[in-house]
Amino acid sequence: MKFLKSKAFSWILVILWMIVIFWLSSMSGVESETKSKGMISNFVETTIDKTNDLGITDKHLSSDKLETITNELNYPLRKFMHAGVYLVLSILVLNAFYRSDINNRKYLLAILFCFIYACTDEFHQLFVGRTGQFLDVLIDTLGAIIGCFVYYIITRRHKTHSFR
């Protein structure tokens, strides 16, 4: 019974994370861009304020400079986040495979699973006023590959092959 609960819970986590990805992709392009730029701007401002408070820096950004920094960081950070959410998805999928006794070619299957979901995710974006980009699929897949390496290192280090 404990095994079945563990197996079911691991797949529920996969599904929940896929729902999070779907939800994030459901935002319009303007909404998504506005949110990411807002988070970057807040992070930059907070970082400068904290380093000023600690006496490490004595910087004061004009709103034009803050906007420039935000715009420069936006694209690479958005792509980094693309990879990051699929890194997490691949780890969750690998753990679900382990709990379901799917060990034959599990890394290849996890990468393929994430690749297919990334394709469907980009296709979904076409219906919410965003562009579906194959480059994003490749970035997502790279995140999944890195996630497989992370999972492999963690499970080999702990010799349990799962997160317990």
N, C-alpha and C. Protein backbone atom coordinates (compact mmCIF):
# COMPACT_ATOMS: atom_id res chain seq x y z
N MET A 1 0.83 -1.20 0.00
CA MET A 1 0.00 0.00 0.00
C MET A 1 0.87 1.26 0.00
N LYS A 2 1.94 1.25 0.80
CA LYS A 2 2.83 2.41 0.86
C LYS A 2 3.46 2.66 -0.51
N PHE A 3 3.82 1.57 -1.22
CA PHE A 3 4.41 1.70 -2.54
C PHE A 3 3.44 2.37 -3.50
N LEU A 4 2.16 1.97 -3.46
CA LEU A 4 1.17 2.57 -4.35
C LEU A 4 0.96 4.04 -4.06
N LYS A 5 0.95 4.41 -2.78
CA LYS A 5 0.81 5.83 -2.42
C LYS A 5 2.01 6.63 -2.92
N SER A 6 3.19 6.07 -2.75
CA SER A 6 4.41 6.73 -3.19
C SER A 6 4.42 6.90 -4.70
N LYS A 7 4.03 5.87 -5.40
CA LYS A 7 3.96 5.90 -6.86
C LYS A 7 2.94 6.94 -7.33
N ALA A 8 1.76 6.91 -6.75
CA ALA A 8 0.70 7.85 -7.13
C ALA A 8 1.13 9.29 -6.82
N PHE A 9 1.71 9.48 -5.65
CA PHE A 9 2.14 10.84 -5.26
C PHE A 9 3.19 11.37 -6.22
N SER A 10 4.12 10.52 -6.64
CA SER A 10 5.17 10.98 -7.55
C SER A 10 4.58 11.41 -8.89
N TRP A 11 3.58 10.69 -9.39
CA TRP A 11 2.94 11.08 -10.65
C TRP A 11 2.06 12.31 -10.47
N ILE A 12 1.45 12.46 -9.31
CA ILE A 12 0.66 13.67 -9.03
C ILE A 12 1.56 14.90 -9.07
N LEU A 13 2.77 14.77 -8.53
CA LEU A 13 3.72 15.89 -8.59
C LEU A 13 4.08 16.25 -10.03
N VAL A 14 4.26 15.23 -10.86
CA VAL A 14 4.55 15.48 -12.29
C VAL A 14 3.39 16.25 -12.92
N ILE A 15 2.19 15.79 -12.68
CA ILE A 15 1.01 16.42 -13.28
C ILE A 15 0.84 17.85 -12.76
N LEU A 16 1.03 18.05 -11.46
CA LEU A 16 0.92 19.40 -10.91
C LEU A 16 1.94 20.35 -11.53
N TRP A 17 3.18 19.85 -11.72
CA TRP A 17 4.21 20.72 -12.31
C TRP A 17 3.87 21.03 -13.77
N MET A 18 3.30 20.05 -14.48
CA MET A 18 2.86 20.30 -15.85
C MET A 18 1.74 21.34 -15.89
N ILE A 19 0.87 21.31 -14.90
CA ILE A 19 -0.19 22.32 -14.80
C ILE A 19 0.41 23.70 -14.56
N VAL A 20 1.45 23.77 -13.72
CA VAL A 20 2.13 25.06 -13.48
C VAL A 20 2.71 25.58 -14.79
N ILE A 21 3.37 24.72 -15.55
CA ILE A 21 3.94 25.14 -16.84
C ILE A 21 2.83 25.61 -17.77
N PHE A 22 1.73 24.87 -17.83
CA PHE A 22 0.60 25.25 -18.68
C PHE A 22 0.05 26.61 -18.25
N TRP A 23 -0.08 26.81 -16.96
CA TRP A 23 -0.60 28.08 -16.43
C TRP A 23 0.33 29.24 -16.81
N LEU A 24 1.62 29.04 -16.64
CA LEU A 24 2.57 30.09 -17.00
C LEU A 24 2.49 30.41 -18.49
N SER A 25 2.30 29.39 -19.30
CA SER A 25 2.20 29.59 -20.75
C SER A 25 0.86 30.19 -21.17
N SER A 26 -0.10 30.17 -20.29
CA SER A 26 -1.42 30.71 -20.61
C SER A 26 -1.48 32.23 -20.51
N MET A 27 -0.47 32.82 -19.90
CA MET A 27 -0.43 34.28 -19.82
C MET A 27 -0.20 34.85 -21.22
N SER A 28 -0.80 35.99 -21.47
CA SER A 28 -0.55 36.66 -22.75
C SER A 28 0.91 37.10 -22.78
N GLY A 29 1.40 37.38 -23.96
CA GLY A 29 2.79 37.83 -24.11
C GLY A 29 3.06 39.10 -23.32
N VAL A 30 2.12 40.03 -23.36
CA VAL A 30 2.28 41.29 -22.62
C VAL A 30 2.30 41.04 -21.12
N GLU A 31 1.38 40.21 -20.64
CA GLU A 31 1.32 39.90 -19.21
C GLU A 31 2.59 39.20 -18.74
N SER A 32 3.05 38.24 -19.51
CA SER A 32 4.25 37.50 -19.15
C SER A 32 5.47 38.42 -19.12
N GLU A 33 5.60 39.24 -20.15
CA GLU A 33 6.72 40.19 -20.24
C GLU A 33 6.68 41.19 -19.09
N THR A 34 5.51 41.71 -18.79
CA THR A 34 5.35 42.68 -17.70
C THR A 34 5.73 42.06 -16.36
N LYS A 35 5.28 40.83 -16.11
CA LYS A 35 5.60 40.17 -14.84
C LYS A 35 7.09 39.91 -14.71
N SER A 36 7.71 39.41 -15.77
CA SER A 36 9.13 39.10 -15.66
C SER A 36 9.95 40.37 -15.50
N LYS A 37 9.63 41.41 -16.23
CA LYS A 37 10.36 42.67 -16.08
C LYS A 37 10.14 43.28 -14.70
N GLY A 38 8.93 43.14 -14.17
CA GLY A 38 8.66 43.64 -12.82
C GLY A 38 9.48 42.92 -11.77
N MET A 39 9.59 41.59 -11.91
CA MET A 39 10.38 40.82 -10.95
C MET A 39 11.86 41.16 -11.06
N ILE A 40 12.35 41.33 -12.28
CA ILE A 40 13.76 41.68 -12.47
C ILE A 40 14.04 43.06 -11.88
N SER A 41 13.18 44.00 -12.16
CA SER A 41 13.34 45.36 -11.65
C SER A 41 13.35 45.37 -10.13
N ASN A 42 12.40 44.66 -9.52
CA ASN A 42 12.35 44.58 -8.05
C ASN A 42 13.62 43.94 -7.49
N PHE A 43 14.10 42.89 -8.15
CA PHE A 43 15.31 42.22 -7.69
C PHE A 43 16.52 43.16 -7.76
N VAL A 44 16.67 43.87 -8.86
CA VAL A 44 17.80 44.80 -9.02
C VAL A 44 17.72 45.90 -7.97
N GLU A 45 16.54 46.49 -7.82
CA GLU A 45 16.38 47.56 -6.82
C GLU A 45 16.67 47.06 -5.41
N THR A 46 16.14 45.91 -5.06
CA THR A 46 16.35 45.34 -3.72
C THR A 46 17.82 45.03 -3.49
N THR A 47 18.47 44.46 -4.49
CA THR A 47 19.89 44.13 -4.37
C THR A 47 20.72 45.39 -4.15
N ILE A 48 20.44 46.42 -4.90
CA ILE A 48 21.19 47.68 -4.74
C ILE A 48 20.91 48.29 -3.38
N ASP A 49 19.66 48.29 -2.96
CA ASP A 49 19.31 48.83 -1.63
C ASP A 49 20.04 48.07 -0.53
N LYS A 50 20.04 46.75 -0.62
CA LYS A 50 20.70 45.93 0.43
C LYS A 50 22.21 46.14 0.44
N THR A 51 22.82 46.18 -0.74
CA THR A 51 24.27 46.39 -0.77
C THR A 51 24.62 47.80 -0.30
N ASN A 52 23.75 48.76 -0.57
CA ASN A 52 23.97 50.11 -0.05
C ASN A 52 23.85 50.12 1.47
N ASP A 53 22.82 49.44 2.00
CA ASP A 53 22.62 49.36 3.45
C ASP A 53 23.81 48.71 4.15
N LEU A 54 24.42 47.72 3.50
CA LEU A 54 25.56 47.02 4.09
C LEU A 54 26.88 47.76 3.88
N GLY A 55 26.83 48.85 3.14
CA GLY A 55 28.04 49.63 2.90
C GLY A 55 28.93 49.04 1.82
N ILE A 56 28.44 48.08 1.09
CA ILE A 56 29.22 47.47 0.02
C ILE A 56 29.25 48.37 -1.19
N THR A 57 28.12 48.99 -1.48
CA THR A 57 28.03 49.90 -2.62
C THR A 57 27.41 51.21 -2.17
N ASP A 58 27.50 52.17 -3.04
CA ASP A 58 26.83 53.45 -2.83
C ASP A 58 26.27 53.87 -4.19
N LYS A 59 25.35 53.04 -4.69
CA LYS A 59 24.79 53.26 -6.02
C LYS A 59 23.34 53.73 -5.92
N HIS A 60 22.97 54.55 -6.84
CA HIS A 60 21.60 55.02 -6.93
C HIS A 60 21.26 55.07 -8.41
N LEU A 61 20.32 54.21 -8.82
CA LEU A 61 19.98 54.10 -10.24
C LEU A 61 18.86 55.06 -10.61
N SER A 62 19.04 55.70 -11.75
CA SER A 62 17.94 56.48 -12.29
C SER A 62 16.92 55.48 -12.86
N SER A 63 15.72 55.94 -13.06
CA SER A 63 14.70 55.04 -13.60
C SER A 63 15.06 54.60 -15.02
N ASP A 64 15.74 55.47 -15.78
CA ASP A 64 16.18 55.08 -17.12
C ASP A 64 17.22 53.97 -17.06
N LYS A 65 18.18 54.08 -16.14
CA LYS A 65 19.22 53.06 -15.99
C LYS A 65 18.60 51.74 -15.52
N LEU A 66 17.67 51.81 -14.57
CA LEU A 66 16.99 50.62 -14.09
C LEU A 66 16.23 49.94 -15.23
N GLU A 67 15.57 50.72 -16.06
CA GLU A 67 14.84 50.16 -17.20
C GLU A 67 15.80 49.50 -18.20
N THR A 68 16.94 50.13 -18.43
CA THR A 68 17.95 49.57 -19.34
C THR A 68 18.46 48.23 -18.81
N ILE A 69 18.80 48.18 -17.52
CA ILE A 69 19.29 46.94 -16.91
C ILE A 69 18.22 45.86 -16.99
N THR A 70 16.99 46.22 -16.66
CA THR A 70 15.88 45.28 -16.71
C THR A 70 15.69 44.71 -18.11
N ASN A 71 15.73 45.58 -19.10
CA ASN A 71 15.56 45.13 -20.48
C ASN A 71 16.71 44.22 -20.93
N GLU A 72 17.92 44.51 -20.49
CA GLU A 72 19.07 43.69 -20.87
C GLU A 72 19.03 42.32 -20.22
N LEU A 73 18.53 42.24 -18.99
CA LEU A 73 18.47 40.98 -18.27
C LEU A 73 17.25 40.14 -18.63
N ASN A 74 16.22 40.76 -19.15
CA ASN A 74 14.95 40.08 -19.36
C ASN A 74 15.07 38.85 -20.27
N TYR A 75 15.63 39.01 -21.45
CA TYR A 75 15.69 37.90 -22.40
C TYR A 75 16.48 36.71 -21.86
N PRO A 76 17.74 36.92 -21.41
CA PRO A 76 18.48 35.73 -20.93
C PRO A 76 17.85 35.08 -19.70
N LEU A 77 17.28 35.88 -18.81
CA LEU A 77 16.66 35.29 -17.62
C LEU A 77 15.39 34.52 -17.97
N ARG A 78 14.64 35.00 -18.93
CA ARG A 78 13.44 34.27 -19.36
C ARG A 78 13.83 32.92 -19.97
N LYS A 79 14.89 32.90 -20.75
CA LYS A 79 15.35 31.64 -21.34
C LYS A 79 15.91 30.72 -20.25
N PHE A 80 16.58 31.27 -19.27
CA PHE A 80 17.09 30.49 -18.15
C PHE A 80 15.93 29.85 -17.39
N MET A 81 14.85 30.60 -17.21
CA MET A 81 13.68 30.06 -16.51
C MET A 81 13.00 28.97 -17.34
N HIS A 82 13.01 29.12 -18.67
CA HIS A 82 12.50 28.05 -19.53
C HIS A 82 13.22 26.75 -19.20
N ALA A 83 14.54 26.81 -19.19
CA ALA A 83 15.33 25.61 -18.89
C ALA A 83 15.06 25.14 -17.46
N GLY A 84 14.91 26.06 -16.54
CA GLY A 84 14.73 25.71 -15.13
C GLY A 84 13.45 24.93 -14.86
N VAL A 85 12.35 25.33 -15.48
CA VAL A 85 11.10 24.62 -15.21
C VAL A 85 11.13 23.21 -15.80
N TYR A 86 11.84 23.03 -16.89
CA TYR A 86 11.96 21.69 -17.46
C TYR A 86 13.03 20.86 -16.76
N LEU A 87 13.99 21.49 -16.15
CA LEU A 87 14.93 20.78 -15.28
C LEU A 87 14.14 20.12 -14.15
N VAL A 88 13.27 20.89 -13.52
CA VAL A 88 12.44 20.36 -12.44
C VAL A 88 11.52 19.26 -12.96
N LEU A 89 10.90 19.47 -14.12
CA LEU A 89 10.00 18.46 -14.68
C LEU A 89 10.74 17.15 -14.91
N SER A 90 11.94 17.21 -15.45
CA SER A 90 12.66 15.96 -15.73
C SER A 90 13.01 15.22 -14.44
N ILE A 91 13.36 15.95 -13.39
CA ILE A 91 13.65 15.30 -12.10
C ILE A 91 12.39 14.63 -11.54
N LEU A 92 11.27 15.32 -11.63
CA LEU A 92 10.01 14.74 -11.15
C LEU A 92 9.63 13.51 -11.97
N VAL A 93 9.82 13.57 -13.28
CA VAL A 93 9.50 12.43 -14.14
C VAL A 93 10.41 11.25 -13.82
N LEU A 94 11.69 11.50 -13.65
CA LEU A 94 12.62 10.41 -13.32
C LEU A 94 12.26 9.76 -11.98
N ASN A 95 11.89 10.56 -11.02
CA ASN A 95 11.48 10.02 -9.73
C ASN A 95 10.21 9.18 -9.87
N ALA A 96 9.27 9.66 -10.68
CA ALA A 96 8.04 8.89 -10.92
C ALA A 96 8.36 7.59 -11.67
N PHE A 97 9.28 7.64 -12.61
CA PHE A 97 9.70 6.42 -13.30
C PHE A 97 10.28 5.43 -12.30
N TYR A 98 11.16 5.92 -11.43
CA TYR A 98 11.77 5.04 -10.44
C TYR A 98 10.70 4.38 -9.57
N ARG A 99 9.78 5.18 -9.08
CA ARG A 99 8.73 4.65 -8.20
C ARG A 99 7.79 3.70 -8.94
N SER A 100 7.73 3.81 -10.26
CA SER A 100 6.88 2.94 -11.08
C SER A 100 7.67 1.77 -11.66
N ASP A 101 8.88 1.59 -11.22
CA ASP A 101 9.76 0.52 -11.71
C ASP A 101 10.04 0.61 -13.21
N ILE A 102 10.11 1.82 -13.71
CA ILE A 102 10.51 2.03 -15.11
C ILE A 102 11.98 2.45 -15.08
N ASN A 103 12.84 1.49 -15.29
CA ASN A 103 14.28 1.77 -15.21
C ASN A 103 14.99 1.61 -16.54
N ASN A 104 14.36 0.93 -17.48
CA ASN A 104 14.98 0.71 -18.77
C ASN A 104 14.92 2.00 -19.60
N ARG A 105 16.06 2.57 -19.86
CA ARG A 105 16.17 3.81 -20.66
C ARG A 105 15.39 4.98 -20.04
N LYS A 106 15.36 5.04 -18.74
CA LYS A 106 14.55 6.07 -18.07
C LYS A 106 15.03 7.48 -18.38
N TYR A 107 16.33 7.69 -18.57
CA TYR A 107 16.83 9.03 -18.86
C TYR A 107 16.40 9.47 -20.25
N LEU A 108 16.52 8.58 -21.20
CA LEU A 108 16.07 8.89 -22.56
C LEU A 108 14.57 9.14 -22.59
N LEU A 109 13.80 8.32 -21.88
CA LEU A 109 12.35 8.50 -21.82
C LEU A 109 11.97 9.82 -21.16
N ALA A 110 12.70 10.20 -20.12
CA ALA A 110 12.41 11.47 -19.43
C ALA A 110 12.68 12.66 -20.36
N ILE A 111 13.78 12.60 -21.10
CA ILE A 111 14.10 13.68 -22.04
C ILE A 111 13.05 13.74 -23.14
N LEU A 112 12.66 12.59 -23.65
CA LEU A 112 11.62 12.55 -24.69
C LEU A 112 10.29 13.07 -24.15
N PHE A 113 9.91 12.67 -22.96
CA PHE A 113 8.69 13.14 -22.30
C PHE A 113 8.70 14.67 -22.23
N CYS A 114 9.81 15.23 -21.75
CA CYS A 114 9.91 16.69 -21.60
C CYS A 114 9.92 17.39 -22.96
N PHE A 115 10.60 16.79 -23.95
CA PHE A 115 10.63 17.36 -25.29
C PHE A 115 9.22 17.44 -25.86
N ILE A 116 8.47 16.36 -25.75
CA ILE A 116 7.11 16.34 -26.28
C ILE A 116 6.23 17.35 -25.54
N TYR A 117 6.38 17.42 -24.23
CA TYR A 117 5.57 18.39 -23.49
C TYR A 117 5.96 19.83 -23.86
N ALA A 118 7.25 20.07 -24.09
CA ALA A 118 7.70 21.40 -24.51
C ALA A 118 7.10 21.75 -25.88
N CYS A 119 7.03 20.77 -26.77
CA CYS A 119 6.41 21.01 -28.09
C CYS A 119 4.95 21.39 -27.93
N THR A 120 4.23 20.64 -27.09
CA THR A 120 2.81 20.95 -26.88
C THR A 120 2.63 22.29 -26.19
N ASP A 121 3.57 22.63 -25.31
CA ASP A 121 3.52 23.91 -24.61
C ASP A 121 3.68 25.07 -25.58
N GLU A 122 4.64 24.96 -26.48
CA GLU A 122 4.83 26.02 -27.48
C GLU A 122 3.65 26.11 -28.43
N PHE A 123 3.07 24.97 -28.77
CA PHE A 123 1.86 24.97 -29.62
C PHE A 123 0.71 25.66 -28.88
N HIS A 124 0.57 25.36 -27.60
CA HIS A 124 -0.48 25.98 -26.78
C HIS A 124 -0.33 27.51 -26.78
N GLN A 125 0.90 28.00 -26.76
CA GLN A 125 1.13 29.44 -26.71
C GLN A 125 0.60 30.16 -27.95
N LEU A 126 0.49 29.45 -29.06
CA LEU A 126 -0.05 30.05 -30.28
C LEU A 126 -1.51 30.49 -30.10
N PHE A 127 -2.20 29.87 -29.15
CA PHE A 127 -3.62 30.15 -28.95
C PHE A 127 -3.87 31.22 -27.88
N VAL A 128 -2.82 31.72 -27.25
CA VAL A 128 -2.99 32.74 -26.21
C VAL A 128 -2.28 34.05 -26.59
N GLY A 129 -2.03 34.21 -27.88
CA GLY A 129 -1.44 35.45 -28.36
C GLY A 129 0.07 35.53 -28.19
N ARG A 130 0.71 34.39 -28.06
CA ARG A 130 2.17 34.36 -27.97
C ARG A 130 2.71 33.59 -29.17
N THR A 131 4.01 33.63 -29.30
CA THR A 131 4.61 32.88 -30.40
C THR A 131 5.15 31.56 -29.88
N GLY A 132 4.95 30.51 -30.65
CA GLY A 132 5.56 29.23 -30.33
C GLY A 132 6.91 29.17 -31.02
N GLN A 133 7.96 28.99 -30.25
CA GLN A 133 9.31 29.02 -30.83
C GLN A 133 10.02 27.70 -30.60
N PHE A 134 10.56 27.14 -31.68
CA PHE A 134 11.29 25.88 -31.54
C PHE A 134 12.56 26.09 -30.71
N LEU A 135 13.13 27.28 -30.74
CA LEU A 135 14.29 27.57 -29.89
C LEU A 135 13.93 27.34 -28.42
N ASP A 136 12.73 27.74 -28.02
CA ASP A 136 12.30 27.51 -26.64
C ASP A 136 12.17 26.01 -26.34
N VAL A 137 11.72 25.23 -27.32
CA VAL A 137 11.65 23.78 -27.14
C VAL A 137 13.05 23.23 -26.90
N LEU A 138 14.02 23.71 -27.66
CA LEU A 138 15.41 23.24 -27.49
C LEU A 138 15.96 23.65 -26.13
N ILE A 139 15.65 24.86 -25.70
CA ILE A 139 16.10 25.33 -24.38
C ILE A 139 15.44 24.50 -23.28
N ASP A 140 14.15 24.23 -23.43
CA ASP A 140 13.44 23.39 -22.46
C ASP A 140 14.06 22.00 -22.40
N THR A 141 14.38 21.45 -23.55
CA THR A 141 14.98 20.11 -23.61
C THR A 141 16.37 20.11 -22.99
N LEU A 142 17.13 21.17 -23.21
CA LEU A 142 18.44 21.29 -22.56
C LEU A 142 18.27 21.31 -21.04
N GLY A 143 17.26 22.03 -20.56
CA GLY A 143 16.96 22.03 -19.12
C GLY A 143 16.64 20.63 -18.62
N ALA A 144 15.89 19.87 -19.42
CA ALA A 144 15.55 18.49 -19.04
C ALA A 144 16.80 17.62 -19.00
N ILE A 145 17.70 17.80 -19.95
CA ILE A 145 18.95 17.03 -19.96
C ILE A 145 19.79 17.35 -18.72
N ILE A 146 19.87 18.63 -18.39
CA ILE A 146 20.61 19.02 -17.19
C ILE A 146 19.94 18.43 -15.95
N GLY A 147 18.60 18.43 -15.94
CA GLY A 147 17.86 17.82 -14.83
C GLY A 147 18.18 16.34 -14.68
N CYS A 148 18.35 15.65 -15.80
CA CYS A 148 18.72 14.23 -15.76
C CYS A 148 20.10 14.05 -15.12
N PHE A 149 21.03 14.92 -15.48
CA PHE A 149 22.36 14.87 -14.87
C PHE A 149 22.29 15.13 -13.36
N VAL A 150 21.50 16.11 -12.98
CA VAL A 150 21.34 16.43 -11.56
C VAL A 150 20.75 15.23 -10.82
N TYR A 151 19.70 14.64 -11.38
CA TYR A 151 19.08 13.47 -10.77
C TYR A 151 20.09 12.33 -10.64
N TYR A 152 20.84 12.09 -11.70
CA TYR A 152 21.83 11.02 -11.69
C TYR A 152 22.87 11.25 -10.58
N ILE A 153 23.37 12.47 -10.49
CA ILE A 153 24.38 12.78 -9.47
C ILE A 153 23.82 12.61 -8.07
N ILE A 154 22.62 13.12 -7.85
CA ILE A 154 22.00 13.03 -6.52
C ILE A 154 21.74 11.57 -6.14
N THR A 155 21.17 10.81 -7.06
CA THR A 155 20.84 9.42 -6.72
C THR A 155 22.08 8.56 -6.58
N ARG A 156 23.11 8.82 -7.34
CA ARG A 156 24.35 8.06 -7.20
C ARG A 156 25.05 8.41 -5.90
N ARG A 157 24.99 9.65 -5.54
CA ARG A 157 25.64 10.09 -4.29
C ARG A 157 24.95 9.48 -3.08
N HIS A 158 23.63 9.40 -3.12
CA HIS A 158 22.88 8.86 -1.98
C HIS A 158 22.58 7.37 -2.11
N LYS A 159 22.91 6.80 -3.26
CA LYS A 159 22.74 5.36 -3.50
C LYS A 159 21.32 4.88 -3.23
N THR A 160 20.32 5.76 -3.40
CA THR A 160 18.94 5.35 -3.18
C THR A 160 18.14 5.37 -4.47
N HIS A 161 18.60 6.09 -5.46
CA HIS A 161 17.92 6.23 -6.75
C HIS A 161 16.55 6.90 -6.63
N SER A 162 16.29 7.58 -5.55
CA SER A 162 15.04 8.31 -5.43
C SER A 162 15.18 9.35 -4.32
N PHE A 163 14.21 10.19 -4.23
CA PHE A 163 14.15 11.17 -3.16
C PHE A 163 13.22 10.63 -2.10
N ARG A 164 13.75 10.34 -0.93
CA ARG A 164 12.91 9.75 0.11
C ARG A 164 12.73 10.69 1.26
